[in-house]
Amino acid sequence: MKASEFREMTQAEIESALHDLKEELFSLRFQKAKGNLQNPMRFKQIGKDIARLKTVLTEKEKEGDKEKG
């Protein structure tokens, strides 16, 4: 997904998506250890999506701080 799509999500949705991606990454690590990994490029995709989600989450938290302060 693109960062613009993540920015349209609520903070709870972002946290949920982040949790889902981390679970998928965990599952991929097991598949790799077993030797039956289907799509090794998925590691890179998930890593980038996790980074994007964390960035957007940080932006939203900073926006909330500016509104309070």
N, C-alpha and C. Protein backbone atom coordinates (compact mmCIF):
# COMPACT_ATOMS: atom_id res chain seq x y z
N MET A 1 0.84 -1.19 0.00
CA MET A 1 0.00 0.00 0.00
C MET A 1 0.88 1.25 0.00
N LYS A 2 0.27 2.33 -0.37
CA LYS A 2 0.99 3.59 -0.40
C LYS A 2 0.75 4.35 0.91
N ALA A 3 1.65 5.24 1.23
CA ALA A 3 1.55 6.02 2.45
C ALA A 3 0.27 6.87 2.45
N SER A 4 -0.15 7.34 1.29
CA SER A 4 -1.37 8.14 1.22
C SER A 4 -2.59 7.32 1.63
N GLU A 5 -2.58 6.03 1.31
CA GLU A 5 -3.68 5.16 1.73
C GLU A 5 -3.65 4.96 3.24
N PHE A 6 -2.45 4.87 3.81
CA PHE A 6 -2.33 4.71 5.25
C PHE A 6 -2.77 5.97 5.98
N ARG A 7 -2.52 7.13 5.40
CA ARG A 7 -2.88 8.38 6.06
C ARG A 7 -4.39 8.55 6.17
N GLU A 8 -5.14 7.88 5.31
CA GLU A 8 -6.60 7.97 5.35
C GLU A 8 -7.19 7.10 6.46
N MET A 9 -6.39 6.20 7.01
CA MET A 9 -6.85 5.28 8.04
C MET A 9 -6.83 5.96 9.41
N THR A 10 -7.68 5.44 10.32
CA THR A 10 -7.65 5.95 11.69
C THR A 10 -6.47 5.34 12.42
N GLN A 11 -6.17 5.88 13.58
CA GLN A 11 -5.03 5.39 14.34
C GLN A 11 -5.24 3.93 14.76
N ALA A 12 -6.45 3.56 15.12
CA ALA A 12 -6.75 2.18 15.51
C ALA A 12 -6.58 1.23 14.32
N GLU A 13 -7.00 1.67 13.14
CA GLU A 13 -6.85 0.84 11.94
C GLU A 13 -5.38 0.64 11.59
N ILE A 14 -4.59 1.69 11.78
CA ILE A 14 -3.15 1.61 11.50
C ILE A 14 -2.50 0.61 12.45
N GLU A 15 -2.85 0.71 13.73
CA GLU A 15 -2.27 -0.22 14.70
C GLU A 15 -2.67 -1.66 14.40
N SER A 16 -3.90 -1.86 13.97
CA SER A 16 -4.37 -3.20 13.62
C SER A 16 -3.61 -3.73 12.39
N ALA A 17 -3.45 -2.89 11.38
CA ALA A 17 -2.73 -3.29 10.18
C ALA A 17 -1.26 -3.60 10.51
N LEU A 18 -0.68 -2.82 11.39
CA LEU A 18 0.70 -3.04 11.81
C LEU A 18 0.83 -4.40 12.51
N HIS A 19 -0.12 -4.71 13.35
CA HIS A 19 -0.12 -6.00 14.05
C HIS A 19 -0.24 -7.15 13.05
N ASP A 20 -1.13 -7.00 12.07
CA ASP A 20 -1.31 -8.04 11.06
C ASP A 20 -0.04 -8.27 10.24
N LEU A 21 0.62 -7.19 9.86
CA LEU A 21 1.85 -7.31 9.08
C LEU A 21 2.97 -7.97 9.89
N LYS A 22 3.04 -7.64 11.17
CA LYS A 22 4.06 -8.26 12.01
C LYS A 22 3.80 -9.76 12.15
N GLU A 23 2.53 -10.15 12.25
CA GLU A 23 2.19 -11.57 12.31
C GLU A 23 2.57 -12.28 11.01
N GLU A 24 2.30 -11.62 9.88
CA GLU A 24 2.65 -12.20 8.58
C GLU A 24 4.17 -12.36 8.45
N LEU A 25 4.91 -11.37 8.91
CA LEU A 25 6.37 -11.44 8.86
C LEU A 25 6.88 -12.60 9.72
N PHE A 26 6.27 -12.78 10.88
CA PHE A 26 6.63 -13.89 11.75
C PHE A 26 6.38 -15.22 11.05
N SER A 27 5.25 -15.33 10.37
CA SER A 27 4.90 -16.54 9.64
C SER A 27 5.89 -16.80 8.50
N LEU A 28 6.28 -15.73 7.80
CA LEU A 28 7.25 -15.88 6.71
C LEU A 28 8.60 -16.38 7.22
N ARG A 29 8.97 -15.94 8.41
CA ARG A 29 10.25 -16.40 8.97
C ARG A 29 10.21 -17.90 9.23
N PHE A 30 9.07 -18.40 9.69
CA PHE A 30 8.94 -19.84 9.89
C PHE A 30 9.00 -20.58 8.56
N GLN A 31 8.32 -20.03 7.55
CA GLN A 31 8.34 -20.67 6.24
C GLN A 31 9.77 -20.73 5.70
N LYS A 32 10.51 -19.66 5.91
CA LYS A 32 11.89 -19.63 5.43
C LYS A 32 12.74 -20.67 6.16
N ALA A 33 12.53 -20.80 7.46
CA ALA A 33 13.29 -21.77 8.24
C ALA A 33 12.98 -23.20 7.81
N LYS A 34 11.73 -23.44 7.44
CA LYS A 34 11.34 -24.78 6.99
C LYS A 34 11.79 -25.05 5.56
N GLY A 35 12.07 -23.99 4.82
CA GLY A 35 12.52 -24.15 3.45
C GLY A 35 11.41 -24.20 2.43
N ASN A 36 10.21 -23.77 2.80
CA ASN A 36 9.11 -23.78 1.84
C ASN A 36 8.54 -22.37 1.62
N LEU A 37 9.43 -21.40 1.52
CA LEU A 37 9.03 -20.02 1.27
C LEU A 37 8.67 -19.85 -0.19
N GLN A 38 7.46 -19.35 -0.46
CA GLN A 38 6.96 -19.20 -1.83
C GLN A 38 7.43 -17.91 -2.49
N ASN A 39 7.37 -16.80 -1.74
CA ASN A 39 7.67 -15.50 -2.33
C ASN A 39 8.66 -14.74 -1.42
N PRO A 40 9.95 -14.87 -1.66
CA PRO A 40 10.92 -14.20 -0.79
C PRO A 40 10.87 -12.67 -0.88
N MET A 41 10.34 -12.14 -1.95
CA MET A 41 10.24 -10.68 -2.07
C MET A 41 9.21 -10.09 -1.11
N ARG A 42 8.37 -10.94 -0.56
CA ARG A 42 7.35 -10.47 0.38
C ARG A 42 7.99 -9.90 1.64
N PHE A 43 9.19 -10.40 2.01
CA PHE A 43 9.89 -9.85 3.16
C PHE A 43 10.12 -8.35 2.98
N LYS A 44 10.59 -7.99 1.81
CA LYS A 44 10.90 -6.59 1.51
C LYS A 44 9.62 -5.75 1.51
N GLN A 45 8.56 -6.28 0.90
CA GLN A 45 7.29 -5.57 0.85
C GLN A 45 6.73 -5.31 2.24
N ILE A 46 6.75 -6.35 3.06
CA ILE A 46 6.22 -6.20 4.42
C ILE A 46 7.06 -5.23 5.22
N GLY A 47 8.36 -5.31 5.09
CA GLY A 47 9.24 -4.39 5.81
C GLY A 47 8.97 -2.94 5.47
N LYS A 48 8.78 -2.69 4.20
CA LYS A 48 8.49 -1.31 3.77
C LYS A 48 7.12 -0.85 4.26
N ASP A 49 6.14 -1.75 4.21
CA ASP A 49 4.80 -1.39 4.69
C ASP A 49 4.81 -1.10 6.19
N ILE A 50 5.57 -1.90 6.95
CA ILE A 50 5.67 -1.66 8.39
C ILE A 50 6.31 -0.30 8.65
N ALA A 51 7.35 0.03 7.91
CA ALA A 51 8.01 1.33 8.07
C ALA A 51 7.06 2.47 7.72
N ARG A 52 6.29 2.31 6.65
CA ARG A 52 5.33 3.34 6.27
C ARG A 52 4.27 3.53 7.35
N LEU A 53 3.76 2.41 7.88
CA LEU A 53 2.74 2.49 8.93
C LEU A 53 3.29 3.19 10.16
N LYS A 54 4.51 2.86 10.56
CA LYS A 54 5.10 3.50 11.73
C LYS A 54 5.29 4.99 11.50
N THR A 55 5.69 5.36 10.29
CA THR A 55 5.88 6.77 9.95
C THR A 55 4.56 7.53 10.04
N VAL A 56 3.52 6.97 9.45
CA VAL A 56 2.20 7.62 9.47
C VAL A 56 1.67 7.69 10.90
N LEU A 57 1.89 6.65 11.67
CA LEU A 57 1.44 6.64 13.06
C LEU A 57 2.14 7.74 13.86
N THR A 58 3.43 7.92 13.63
CA THR A 58 4.18 8.98 14.29
C THR A 58 3.66 10.35 13.87
N GLU A 59 3.35 10.51 12.58
CA GLU A 59 2.80 11.78 12.09
C GLU A 59 1.48 12.09 12.77
N LYS A 60 0.62 11.10 12.89
CA LYS A 60 -0.67 11.31 13.53
C LYS A 60 -0.52 11.66 15.00
N GLU A 61 0.44 11.03 15.68
CA GLU A 61 0.68 11.35 17.08
C GLU A 61 1.18 12.77 17.23
N LYS A 62 2.05 13.21 16.31
CA LYS A 62 2.56 14.58 16.38
C LYS A 62 1.44 15.59 16.09
N GLU A 63 0.54 15.26 15.17
CA GLU A 63 -0.60 16.13 14.88
C GLU A 63 -1.46 16.28 16.13
N GLY A 64 -1.65 15.18 16.84
CA GLY A 64 -2.44 15.23 18.07
C GLY A 64 -1.76 16.09 19.13
N ASP A 65 -0.44 16.03 19.21
CA ASP A 65 0.30 16.86 20.16
C ASP A 65 0.18 18.34 19.81
N LYS A 66 0.20 18.65 18.52
CA LYS A 66 0.09 20.06 18.10
C LYS A 66 -1.29 20.62 18.43
N GLU A 67 -2.32 19.79 18.26
CA GLU A 67 -3.67 20.25 18.55
C GLU A 67 -3.86 20.49 20.03
N LYS A 68 -3.21 19.70 20.88
CA LYS A 68 -3.32 19.85 22.33
C LYS A 68 -2.51 21.04 22.83
N GLY A 69 -1.36 21.28 22.18
CA GLY A 69 -0.41 22.30 22.66
C GLY A 69 -0.60 23.56 22.03
